[in-house]
Amino acid sequence: MGGYGPPTTAFSKSLKFVGDRLESEFGDGVDVKYVWNIMDLGYRGEDILWLVESGVLTLGYQSSSYLTDRVPELGFVDLPFLFETNAQARRAIDGRLGDLLANKIEERTDFRMLGFFENGFRHLSNRLRPVRSPADLQGMIIRVMPSDVHARTFELLGAKPMKMDLSEAIAGIVDGSLEAQENPLANTVTYGAHRFHRHHTLTGHFYVSRPIFAHRPSVDGWPEALRNALYRAAREAIAYQRELSEREAVDAQKVIEGEGCEIVTLSPDERQAFRLAVKPLHEEARGEFGVKLQQATDLQSIFE
């Protein structure tokens, strides 16, 4: 099993949760090994996809935005301000929307989908100035994940988005060539961006999930009892990971403030200014993603 974070993160702990469940049930019948952070071995974060699909790793996770080139429907959940709360997002991901997206991923990859970890709501950090409005982002060079929807979002907000892998982003934050980045607070701390970015804004502009996937030929070739145990363990691990993720967000905010950074909480009017700036994306989504995806959420109003 592999990921791209230290063993202390909720994602790594949740991989261990799955492995512990399988070892508890099958004893010496299974042999579980972990690669907590493939970047420590010289890989890029995006390499987790081919490492699992080729069977080098049996199981991994990655933000859904990294798969949008192969599964365009995943661009739907990249839309800005699609969800307002964790509860709302979880209802969609645990329901028809998540099922639809999981099926699309399996159709176009050699993965078996096990569910979705929660990467949560993403916020802004930068080294230049406080951000309270889209005007404050004007011309700011910001790293975004490899998603056309994410890039278009920040173009509409006035920034200069740069699509790049996490490993490149970390280097750019350190050397200053990237002026801004966007991530959940826990990721901002895990990857050390808060040491270089004084200014943080709780925009909550994207909610991103991290699909959990396994090498299809391996899983399909397992005894039925082991295969079923993996699916059960993954469901339990998702609930566990969400609890850890909520705590991580609170702890990360304390760490950021402890570094002397400024954290801006937007007023309702300020947040609305961001929503209005990206409204063209929602209008485009009505035709691009189709009725089926839109009906799989309880958020029809944003497309009207």
Foldseek 3Di string as FASTA:
>chain_A
DEAAFDCPALQNVLVVLLVVLLCVVQPPVDDDDYHYRCVVVVDFRLCVQVCQQVPVDFKYKDWLQSCCVQQVLSLVLQAWPLDDDPVQVCLLCVFDLVVVSQVSVVVRTQWRWLGWAWQFFKWKFFAPDADLALVVQAAAEEEDANHPNVQVLNVLSRYHYDHDTPVVVLVCLVVVVHGMYMGQLLVCVRSVSLLRTQYIERLSTHTIIMIMIGRNVVLVPDPPVSNVSSSVSSVVSRVSSVVSSVVSSVVSVVVSVVSVGDYHYHDPVSSVNSVVSSLVVLCVCPPPNHDSSCVSHPRVVSND
